Structures are given as structure tokens and as C-alpha cells.
Amino acid sequence: MMVAGEASGDLLGGALLSALRERFPRLTAVGVGGARMRACGLQSAFDINDLAVVGLVEVIRHFPRLRQVFLALVRLLEVERPRLLITIDLPDFNLLLARRAKALAIPVVHYVSPQVWAWRRGRVTRIARLLDHLMVLFPFEPPIYQQTTLPVTFVGHPLVHLAVPTGAREAVRHGLGMVPGEKLLLLLPGSRRGELRQLLAPMLATCRLLARLMPQLRFVLALAESLSQADLQACWPDRTSEPGMGLPPVLVRCGETYPLLEAADAALVASGTATLEAALLGTPMVVVYRVNRFTYEIGRRLIQVPFISLANLVAGYGLVTERIQDEVSPPLLAQDLLSLLTGRERVEQMRVGFAAIRAQLSHPERQPVEVISAFLGEPTDGGGSETTATAC
């Protein structure tokens, strides 16, 4: 049983499920996941966006649907009694589900450590009680759990193998119709509907300012696969009238994030997995994040780390500029981006830091499939034994 509730979780779940299918060809997987997990054979009963909710106010607003999905998954645990429950990120939801699984004597492996290093560090003991194994993405995380008996394994980050420069930068730029002398700014407004609602408007306003300062600047928005054109239209209803609004042409592309990151001269990125993707592809960036005011005021008092972006957290210092909440201001963002689009020293400093990030994440203790196989047991008939993994 696997539980993934957002684009980054679907990325991890898809890679893991693909590797498991190679080792257990007759494995059965059902439940909730995104496009990548479904492509690996997951029979997904719920939309991944049902669980992709960030912030206290947002959770309260979506609570009825969250409760409906949770109860359905609990029933599935009780009826199917899967060999193993694999929960992926989404800790507040998944740790509640883990508690139900433990009561049914179903082992639980959680993939991606809750951000106990950032806030609510007291959760470490509770997490250790609920899990049988924790797979973490970053090398600085295992020591956090060393005072518990929970086995914790640094399994590396799959993006190290996925977000790899291909050398297709010029071909992508040519495909966009760019000519020598033009520069490309990429917008990555997040993979959740709430992020799109909060960040799209200031991003577009920033494009408007930059177009006046750099007439040779081109703009592309990379729409996350977890979002639809309808989601975009809901946040950008006047998209068809953009010339009259003073907005420069903004090309929208879906499913092309990596090629576009490689082709971009700079990116404006919502804090999240995309900041790590941009770093691994060597794209200079400015990171933004904004949530409901009430959610922000609570979080500001609880968060104990100086950075919000994965790029800076892994680097260990302020490698990239972060603009949070009220600082998500078009004039500020335009100024930050201009320094990347017109200056070379800052860009080179970033790329040196990005190379160090790749090196840190490239040497895991074990692969995720090895950890999971230890729970499922190795096939005894040359890889053809049947294993039922109910994935939710």
C-alpha cells in the first residue's frame, strides 16, 4: 500500500514502483497516486490533488474531502491487509494512516523524512514509534533520529538521476523561436492549485516590469503535470487578452520542465522540489513562496531554519535568493532577476554551489528498492512470485 499526495511524492513513488515491478513482476498495486505511479501500473482510486493541500487554513477548507479519502484508505487497509504500507511524504496525513496500519500489525516504511529539522522537532520520538523504517533524501537527516531505535537510511534523491543536463539548450531555444541576443525567463509557479493562486499573479506582474527593462527577454511558464489548463485558467481568466493588459507574451508549456530549465537564463521558482531540480540542472533562480496570512503567521513562529528552499537547505547557506510572503513583490523580484540576467559573477557563484549539491546527493547508503525488498522478501521462482502491494 503506497500513499502519495502531490507531484514530488508521485515522482518518488513512480521511480520506486518501477524498480519494484522489475524485481516483482507480478506485484499488484492499487490506490492513490499521480501520472507517474499510474504509468507504472498503479490503480489509483483518488486524484492526487485531493491530498495536495498546504497550510492550516487550506487544510480546514478541504477537511471533508481529506477525511473521506482517509477513511477509504483505512477500510482498504482493513480489507486487503497489504504486505506493507509505503507512505510517501505528506506526514500529517500519512502518519495518522501509519498509526492505523500499526494497529493492524502491517509494517510501515515512510519515504521522505518529515521536516523535523525545520519545526516540531519533538515529533522524532512519535515518528519512531509509528514506523518500521524511514527512507530519507538528504545526508544530514539520519543523525536527527540517532537517539531512537528507528532504522533510517539515506537513499539519495532520484532527481540526481532524472535532472541531468542533456546539452539540448540551444535546440530547445531554437524550438521556442529564439534568436541570438534574446534571453529566457522561466516561471515555475508550483505544483499545487493553492500555489498557483498565490504566486501566478505576482509572477506575471514581474514579467510586465522586466519586459519594459529588457525588450529582448522571452517568457515561458512551465505548468506542472499535476495541474491542468483549467487550473491555470481559473487563476488567469484574462489570459486571452494579455496584449491589452500590458503583459508580454507568456508561452505556456506542460511536461517540458527539464528541457526548459536547461534552456533558461534564469527562473522564478516556487519553493519546493522544483528548486532542487533547477539547482541540479544548473539554472540560476530566485525562489518565492506565499501562503494565507494566518498560515504564515503561525509558521513564522514555528519554523526553526533560516531557509525555505531545498537548494539552500542542502547547500547549507543562502546560495539563492528567497522572497517570502510580503517580499513576493514584483519590483523586488524584477531587481533580483535582473542581477541574474545581466550579471555573470552571481551566476557563476550559484553554479559552483549547484555542483556541490549534486555531489552531496550522489552517494546514498542503499537504494529504495533494496529497503522495500527486505520487507517484501525476494522472489523464490526467478522473479515471478506474486506479491500484493495495495498502493493508496
Protein backbone atom coordinates (compact mmCIF):
# COMPACT_ATOMS: atom_id res chain seq x y z
CA MET A 1 0.00 0.00 0.00
CA MET A 2 1.51 3.34 -1.10
CA VAL A 3 0.25 6.83 -0.33
CA ALA A 4 1.45 9.80 -2.39
CA GLY A 5 -0.37 13.11 -2.41
CA GLU A 6 1.49 15.60 -4.58
CA ALA A 7 3.76 15.86 -7.62
CA SER A 8 7.04 15.30 -5.76
CA GLY A 9 5.60 12.25 -3.99
CA ASP A 10 4.39 10.90 -7.31
CA LEU A 11 7.92 11.31 -8.69
CA LEU A 12 9.38 9.27 -5.85
CA GLY A 13 6.58 6.72 -5.91
CA GLY A 14 6.81 6.25 -9.65
CA ALA A 15 10.56 5.56 -9.55
CA LEU A 16 10.13 3.15 -6.63
CA LEU A 17 7.17 1.31 -8.15
CA SER A 18 9.02 0.94 -11.46
CA ALA A 19 12.01 -0.62 -9.69
CA LEU A 20 9.75 -2.90 -7.63
CA ARG A 21 7.98 -4.15 -10.75
CA GLU A 22 11.31 -5.18 -12.23
CA ARG A 23 12.06 -7.22 -9.11
CA PHE A 24 8.48 -8.45 -8.52
CA PRO A 25 6.82 -8.71 -11.97
CA ARG A 26 3.51 -9.94 -10.53
CA LEU A 27 3.23 -7.29 -7.85
CA THR A 28 -0.25 -5.77 -7.57
CA ALA A 29 -0.54 -2.06 -6.82
CA VAL A 30 -3.75 -0.09 -6.29
CA GLY A 31 -4.74 3.21 -4.68
CA VAL A 32 -3.84 6.92 -4.93
CA GLY A 33 -1.00 8.40 -6.93
CA GLY A 34 -0.28 10.65 -9.85
CA ALA A 35 0.55 10.16 -13.51
CA ARG A 36 3.97 8.58 -12.91
CA MET A 37 2.67 5.98 -10.46
CA ARG A 38 -0.29 5.17 -12.70
CA ALA A 39 2.08 4.73 -15.63
CA CYS A 40 3.85 2.06 -13.55
CA GLY A 41 0.61 0.16 -13.09
CA LEU A 42 -0.90 1.81 -10.02
CA GLN A 43 -4.69 1.57 -9.99
CA SER A 44 -5.40 4.97 -8.45
CA ALA A 45 -8.80 5.39 -6.83
CA PHE A 46 -8.38 9.06 -5.92
CA ASP A 47 -6.99 12.19 -7.57
CA ILE A 48 -3.56 13.08 -6.22
CA ASN A 49 -4.70 16.70 -5.80
CA ASP A 50 -7.19 15.56 -3.15
CA LEU A 51 -4.24 15.37 -0.74
CA ALA A 52 -2.07 18.19 -2.12
CA VAL A 53 -3.12 20.79 0.47
CA VAL A 54 -0.68 23.14 2.20
CA GLY A 55 -1.36 25.41 5.19
CA LEU A 56 -3.68 25.29 8.19
CA VAL A 57 -6.45 27.36 6.64
CA GLU A 58 -6.29 25.33 3.44
CA VAL A 59 -6.50 22.03 5.35
CA ILE A 60 -9.57 23.23 7.24
CA ARG A 61 -11.24 24.24 3.98
CA HIS A 62 -10.58 20.82 2.41
CA PHE A 63 -11.10 18.76 5.56
CA PRO A 64 -14.28 16.93 4.42
CA ARG A 65 -12.56 15.56 1.33
CA LEU A 66 -9.38 14.71 3.25
CA ARG A 67 -11.45 12.80 5.81
CA GLN A 68 -13.30 10.94 3.07
CA VAL A 69 -10.06 9.79 1.45
CA PHE A 70 -8.53 8.86 4.83
CA LEU A 71 -11.48 6.68 5.84
CA ALA A 72 -11.46 4.96 2.45
CA LEU A 73 -7.77 4.13 2.88
CA VAL A 74 -8.35 2.80 6.39
CA ARG A 75 -11.07 0.49 5.04
CA LEU A 76 -8.66 -0.66 2.36
CA LEU A 77 -6.05 -1.48 5.00
CA GLU A 78 -8.60 -3.49 6.97
CA VAL A 79 -9.95 -5.42 3.99
CA GLU A 80 -6.82 -6.01 1.88
CA ARG A 81 -4.27 -6.41 4.71
CA PRO A 82 -1.34 -5.50 2.40
CA ARG A 83 2.11 -6.95 2.96
CA LEU A 84 3.49 -3.45 3.50
CA LEU A 85 2.33 0.16 3.74
CA ILE A 86 4.65 2.65 2.00
CA THR A 87 3.79 6.24 2.83
CA ILE A 88 5.45 8.98 0.78
CA ASP A 89 5.91 12.44 2.31
CA LEU A 90 2.62 14.14 3.38
CA PRO A 91 3.49 13.46 7.04
CA ASP A 92 0.45 14.84 8.88
CA PHE A 93 -1.89 12.67 6.80
CA ASN A 94 0.37 9.66 6.37
CA LEU A 95 1.46 9.30 9.99
CA LEU A 96 -2.20 9.07 11.00
CA LEU A 97 -2.59 6.30 8.45
CA ALA A 98 0.59 4.65 9.74
CA ARG A 99 -0.96 4.52 13.21
CA ARG A 100 -3.94 2.58 11.82
CA ALA A 101 -1.61 0.22 9.94
CA LYS A 102 0.45 -0.49 13.05
CA ALA A 103 -2.73 -1.36 14.94
CA LEU A 104 -3.38 -3.97 12.23
CA ALA A 105 0.21 -5.30 12.51
CA ILE A 106 1.04 -4.04 8.98
CA PRO A 107 4.65 -2.84 8.66
CA VAL A 108 5.14 0.78 7.59
CA VAL A 109 8.00 2.32 5.63
CA HIS A 110 7.89 6.09 5.28
CA TYR A 111 9.70 7.72 2.35
CA VAL A 112 10.92 11.31 2.95
CA SER A 113 11.54 12.48 6.47
CA PRO A 114 9.09 14.97 7.94
CA GLN A 115 10.85 18.30 8.27
CA VAL A 116 11.65 17.80 11.95
CA TRP A 117 14.90 19.71 11.36
CA ALA A 118 12.77 22.74 10.47
CA TRP A 119 9.98 22.65 13.05
CA ARG A 120 8.28 20.45 15.65
CA ARG A 121 11.44 18.55 16.45
CA GLY A 122 9.59 16.83 19.28
CA ARG A 123 7.90 14.65 16.66
CA VAL A 124 11.00 12.46 16.32
CA THR A 125 10.01 10.09 19.13
CA ARG A 126 6.43 9.76 17.88
CA ILE A 127 7.59 9.12 14.32
CA ALA A 128 9.94 6.39 15.53
CA ARG A 129 7.05 4.62 17.31
CA LEU A 130 4.85 4.60 14.20
CA LEU A 131 7.35 3.41 11.58
CA ASP A 132 9.39 0.29 10.89
CA HIS A 133 11.84 2.08 8.58
CA LEU A 134 12.42 5.63 7.36
CA MET A 135 14.00 6.37 3.97
CA VAL A 136 15.43 9.89 3.76
CA LEU A 137 16.55 12.01 0.82
CA PHE A 138 19.31 14.06 2.38
CA PRO A 139 22.54 13.03 4.14
CA PHE A 140 22.02 15.44 7.04
CA GLU A 141 18.80 13.68 8.16
CA PRO A 142 19.82 10.28 9.68
CA PRO A 143 21.67 11.83 12.66
CA ILE A 144 18.43 13.53 13.73
CA TYR A 145 16.99 10.10 14.62
CA GLN A 146 20.10 8.61 16.22
CA GLN A 147 18.60 8.77 19.73
CA THR A 148 15.77 6.43 18.64
CA THR A 149 15.71 2.76 17.60
CA LEU A 150 14.15 3.58 14.21
CA PRO A 151 16.25 2.35 11.25
CA VAL A 152 16.91 5.35 9.00
CA THR A 153 18.55 5.03 5.58
CA PHE A 154 19.82 7.79 3.30
CA VAL A 155 18.63 6.52 -0.10
CA GLY A 156 19.74 9.53 -2.15
CA HIS A 157 17.47 11.72 -4.20
CA PRO A 158 16.09 10.35 -7.51
CA LEU A 159 16.40 13.79 -9.04
CA VAL A 160 20.17 13.26 -9.19
CA HIS A 161 19.48 10.73 -11.95
CA LEU A 162 16.48 12.47 -13.50
CA ALA A 163 17.51 16.13 -13.54
CA VAL A 164 20.64 15.72 -15.65
CA PRO A 165 21.75 18.29 -18.27
CA THR A 166 21.41 16.86 -21.78
CA GLY A 167 23.22 19.53 -23.79
CA ALA A 168 20.00 20.36 -25.65
CA ARG A 169 19.90 24.00 -24.51
CA GLU A 170 20.35 25.56 -27.95
CA ALA A 171 17.93 23.13 -29.61
CA VAL A 172 15.21 23.98 -27.09
CA ARG A 173 15.78 27.71 -27.52
CA HIS A 174 15.62 27.30 -31.30
CA GLY A 175 12.35 25.38 -30.90
CA LEU A 176 10.95 28.34 -28.99
CA GLY A 177 11.80 30.62 -31.91
CA MET A 178 14.52 32.47 -30.02
CA VAL A 179 17.23 34.37 -31.86
CA PRO A 180 20.77 35.32 -30.76
CA GLY A 181 20.75 38.08 -28.17
CA GLU A 182 17.43 37.05 -26.57
CA LYS A 183 17.25 35.72 -23.03
CA LEU A 184 14.73 33.34 -21.48
CA LEU A 185 12.99 33.62 -18.11
CA LEU A 186 11.14 30.51 -16.91
CA LEU A 187 8.22 30.70 -14.47
CA LEU A 188 7.58 27.73 -12.16
CA PRO A 189 4.56 28.71 -10.03
CA GLY A 190 4.29 25.38 -8.15
CA SER A 191 2.56 22.04 -8.49
CA ARG A 192 -0.46 22.74 -6.26
CA ARG A 193 -3.57 24.75 -7.04
CA GLY A 194 -3.06 26.85 -3.92
CA GLU A 195 0.46 27.79 -5.01
CA LEU A 196 -0.84 28.78 -8.43
CA ARG A 197 -3.46 31.03 -6.84
CA GLN A 198 -0.90 32.71 -4.59
CA LEU A 199 2.05 33.07 -6.95
CA LEU A 200 0.87 33.37 -10.55
CA ALA A 201 -0.30 36.99 -10.33
CA PRO A 202 2.94 38.43 -8.86
CA MET A 203 4.97 36.34 -11.30
CA LEU A 204 3.09 37.79 -14.27
CA ALA A 205 3.38 41.30 -12.85
CA THR A 206 7.14 40.74 -12.59
CA CYS A 207 7.21 39.75 -16.28
CA ARG A 208 5.44 43.00 -17.12
CA LEU A 209 8.14 45.04 -15.34
CA LEU A 210 11.02 43.05 -16.82
CA ALA A 211 9.67 43.35 -20.37
CA ARG A 212 9.95 47.13 -20.10
CA LEU A 213 13.55 46.90 -18.88
CA MET A 214 14.70 44.09 -21.22
CA PRO A 215 12.82 44.10 -24.54
CA GLN A 216 14.83 41.06 -25.69
CA LEU A 217 13.59 38.90 -22.79
CA ARG A 218 11.29 35.94 -23.55
CA PHE A 219 8.89 34.38 -21.01
CA VAL A 220 7.74 30.77 -20.63
CA LEU A 221 5.56 29.26 -17.90
CA ALA A 222 6.16 25.56 -17.17
CA LEU A 223 2.84 24.13 -15.97
CA ALA A 224 3.27 21.20 -13.56
CA GLU A 225 1.83 17.89 -14.72
CA SER A 226 -0.32 17.79 -11.57
CA LEU A 227 -2.16 20.92 -12.78
CA SER A 228 -4.49 21.36 -15.73
CA GLN A 229 -5.24 24.12 -18.21
CA ALA A 230 -8.48 24.62 -16.27
CA ASP A 231 -6.48 25.25 -13.09
CA LEU A 232 -4.41 27.80 -14.96
CA GLN A 233 -7.48 29.45 -16.48
CA ALA A 234 -9.06 29.80 -13.03
CA CYS A 235 -6.06 31.88 -11.88
CA TRP A 236 -5.53 33.69 -15.19
CA PRO A 237 -9.01 34.36 -16.63
CA ASP A 238 -7.85 37.23 -18.85
CA ARG A 239 -5.10 35.17 -20.48
CA THR A 240 -6.52 35.67 -23.96
CA SER A 241 -6.47 39.46 -23.55
CA GLU A 242 -2.88 39.76 -22.33
CA PRO A 243 -1.65 42.24 -25.01
CA GLY A 244 -4.25 44.77 -23.88
CA MET A 245 -3.22 44.24 -20.26
CA GLY A 246 0.33 45.34 -20.99
CA LEU A 247 1.60 41.82 -20.33
CA PRO A 248 4.25 40.47 -22.70
CA PRO A 249 3.54 37.15 -24.42
CA VAL A 250 3.97 34.28 -21.95
CA LEU A 251 4.20 30.87 -23.57
CA VAL A 252 2.69 28.03 -21.52
CA ARG A 253 4.24 24.57 -21.77
CA CYS A 254 3.31 21.39 -19.88
CA GLY A 255 5.53 18.34 -19.45
CA GLU A 256 8.70 20.13 -20.60
CA THR A 257 10.09 21.45 -17.32
CA TYR A 258 13.56 19.92 -17.53
CA PRO A 259 14.34 21.00 -21.11
CA LEU A 260 13.03 24.47 -20.32
CA LEU A 261 15.12 24.74 -17.15
CA GLU A 262 18.19 23.78 -19.12
CA ALA A 263 17.39 26.38 -21.79
CA ALA A 264 16.53 29.22 -19.38
CA ASP A 265 18.89 32.03 -18.43
CA ALA A 266 17.05 32.40 -15.11
CA ALA A 267 13.98 31.01 -13.37
CA LEU A 268 11.40 32.31 -10.90
CA VAL A 269 10.57 29.23 -8.84
CA ALA A 270 8.02 28.35 -6.16
CA SER A 271 9.76 26.85 -3.15
CA GLY A 272 9.61 23.06 -3.28
CA THR A 273 11.13 20.22 -5.25
CA ALA A 274 11.48 22.50 -8.28
CA THR A 275 14.26 24.45 -6.56
CA LEU A 276 16.31 21.26 -6.31
CA GLU A 277 15.54 20.40 -9.94
CA ALA A 278 16.71 23.83 -11.04
CA ALA A 279 19.89 23.52 -8.97
CA LEU A 280 20.74 20.10 -10.42
CA LEU A 281 20.22 21.44 -13.94
CA GLY A 282 22.37 24.49 -13.18
CA THR A 283 19.64 27.11 -13.67
CA PRO A 284 20.13 30.43 -11.80
CA MET A 285 16.97 31.13 -9.83
CA VAL A 286 15.01 33.31 -7.44
CA VAL A 287 12.77 31.37 -5.04
CA VAL A 288 9.34 32.63 -3.97
CA TYR A 289 6.66 31.43 -1.60
CA ARG A 290 3.43 32.89 -0.24
CA VAL A 291 0.55 31.36 1.72
CA ASN A 292 -2.55 32.51 3.55
CA ARG A 293 -1.65 35.24 6.07
CA PHE A 294 -2.89 33.24 9.07
CA THR A 295 -0.90 30.18 7.97
CA TYR A 296 2.19 32.31 7.51
CA GLU A 297 1.97 33.93 10.96
CA ILE A 298 1.73 30.52 12.62
CA GLY A 299 4.55 29.05 10.54
CA ARG A 300 6.82 32.03 11.13
CA ARG A 301 6.75 31.30 14.85
CA LEU A 302 7.37 27.57 14.49
CA ILE A 303 9.94 27.19 11.71
CA GLN A 304 13.47 26.91 13.08
CA VAL A 305 15.64 27.02 9.95
CA PRO A 306 16.95 30.11 8.15
CA PHE A 307 15.91 28.94 4.66
CA ILE A 308 12.82 27.50 2.98
CA SER A 309 14.18 26.27 -0.34
CA LEU A 310 15.71 22.82 -0.73
CA ALA A 311 18.54 24.36 -2.73
CA ASN A 312 19.65 26.48 0.24
CA LEU A 313 18.95 23.80 2.84
CA VAL A 314 21.17 21.26 1.08
CA ALA A 315 23.85 23.87 0.32
CA GLY A 316 23.80 24.96 3.97
CA TYR A 317 23.86 28.68 3.18
CA GLY A 318 21.95 31.35 1.22
CA LEU A 319 23.03 30.21 -2.22
CA VAL A 320 19.88 31.50 -3.94
CA THR A 321 17.70 34.49 -3.12
CA GLU A 322 14.43 33.69 -1.32
CA ARG A 323 11.43 36.01 -1.27
CA ILE A 324 8.70 35.04 1.17
CA GLN A 325 5.20 36.41 1.78
CA ASP A 326 5.25 40.23 1.58
CA GLU A 327 8.58 40.13 -0.24
CA VAL A 328 6.87 38.40 -3.15
CA SER A 329 6.73 41.85 -4.72
CA PRO A 330 7.15 42.44 -8.48
CA PRO A 331 9.63 45.33 -8.06
CA LEU A 332 11.83 43.25 -5.75
CA LEU A 333 11.59 40.16 -7.93
CA ALA A 334 12.41 42.15 -11.06
CA GLN A 335 15.51 43.54 -9.38
CA ASP A 336 16.62 40.08 -8.22
CA LEU A 337 16.14 38.59 -11.67
CA LEU A 338 17.90 41.44 -13.44
CA SER A 339 21.04 40.70 -11.43
CA LEU A 340 20.95 37.13 -12.81
CA LEU A 341 20.05 38.07 -16.35
CA THR A 342 22.67 40.80 -16.71
CA GLY A 343 25.45 39.78 -14.29
CA ARG A 344 27.93 36.91 -14.61
CA GLU A 345 29.66 36.75 -11.22
CA ARG A 346 26.49 35.91 -9.26
CA VAL A 347 25.52 33.26 -11.80
CA GLU A 348 28.92 31.57 -11.62
CA GLN A 349 28.78 31.54 -7.81
CA MET A 350 25.42 29.81 -7.97
CA ARG A 351 26.61 27.17 -10.41
CA VAL A 352 29.58 26.28 -8.21
CA GLY A 353 27.11 25.79 -5.35
CA PHE A 354 24.83 23.73 -7.56
CA ALA A 355 27.69 21.35 -8.41
CA ALA A 356 28.33 20.84 -4.69
CA ILE A 357 24.65 20.00 -4.15
CA ARG A 358 24.80 17.28 -6.81
CA ALA A 359 27.90 15.80 -5.19
CA GLN A 360 26.23 15.66 -1.76
CA LEU A 361 23.18 13.78 -3.05
CA SER A 362 25.01 11.30 -5.28
CA HIS A 363 26.27 8.76 -2.71
CA PRO A 364 23.35 7.00 -0.93
CA GLU A 365 23.73 4.20 1.62
CA ARG A 366 21.21 1.96 -0.19
CA GLN A 367 18.66 2.18 -2.99
CA PRO A 368 14.95 2.49 -2.03
CA VAL A 369 14.05 -0.76 -3.82
CA GLU A 370 16.56 -2.63 -1.65
CA VAL A 371 14.96 -1.36 1.56
CA ILE A 372 11.47 -2.32 0.38
CA SER A 373 12.54 -5.72 -0.94
CA ALA A 374 13.77 -6.62 2.54
CA PHE A 375 10.16 -6.29 3.72
CA LEU A 376 8.50 -7.98 0.74
CA GLY A 377 11.02 -10.83 0.52
CA GLU A 378 12.99 -11.84 -2.54
CA PRO A 379 11.10 -13.76 -5.25
CA THR A 380 11.70 -17.52 -4.96
CA ASP A 381 10.82 -18.51 -8.53
CA GLY A 382 13.20 -16.43 -10.60
CA GLY A 383 11.33 -13.16 -10.10
CA GLY A 384 7.84 -14.42 -10.81
CA SER A 385 6.35 -14.77 -7.34
CA GLU A 386 3.16 -12.89 -6.73
CA THR A 387 3.21 -10.07 -4.22
CA THR A 388 0.22 -7.91 -3.43
CA ALA A 389 1.06 -4.34 -2.54
CA THR A 390 -2.07 -2.28 -2.13
CA ALA A 391 -0.98 1.22 -3.06
CA CYS A 392 -3.05 4.17 -1.95
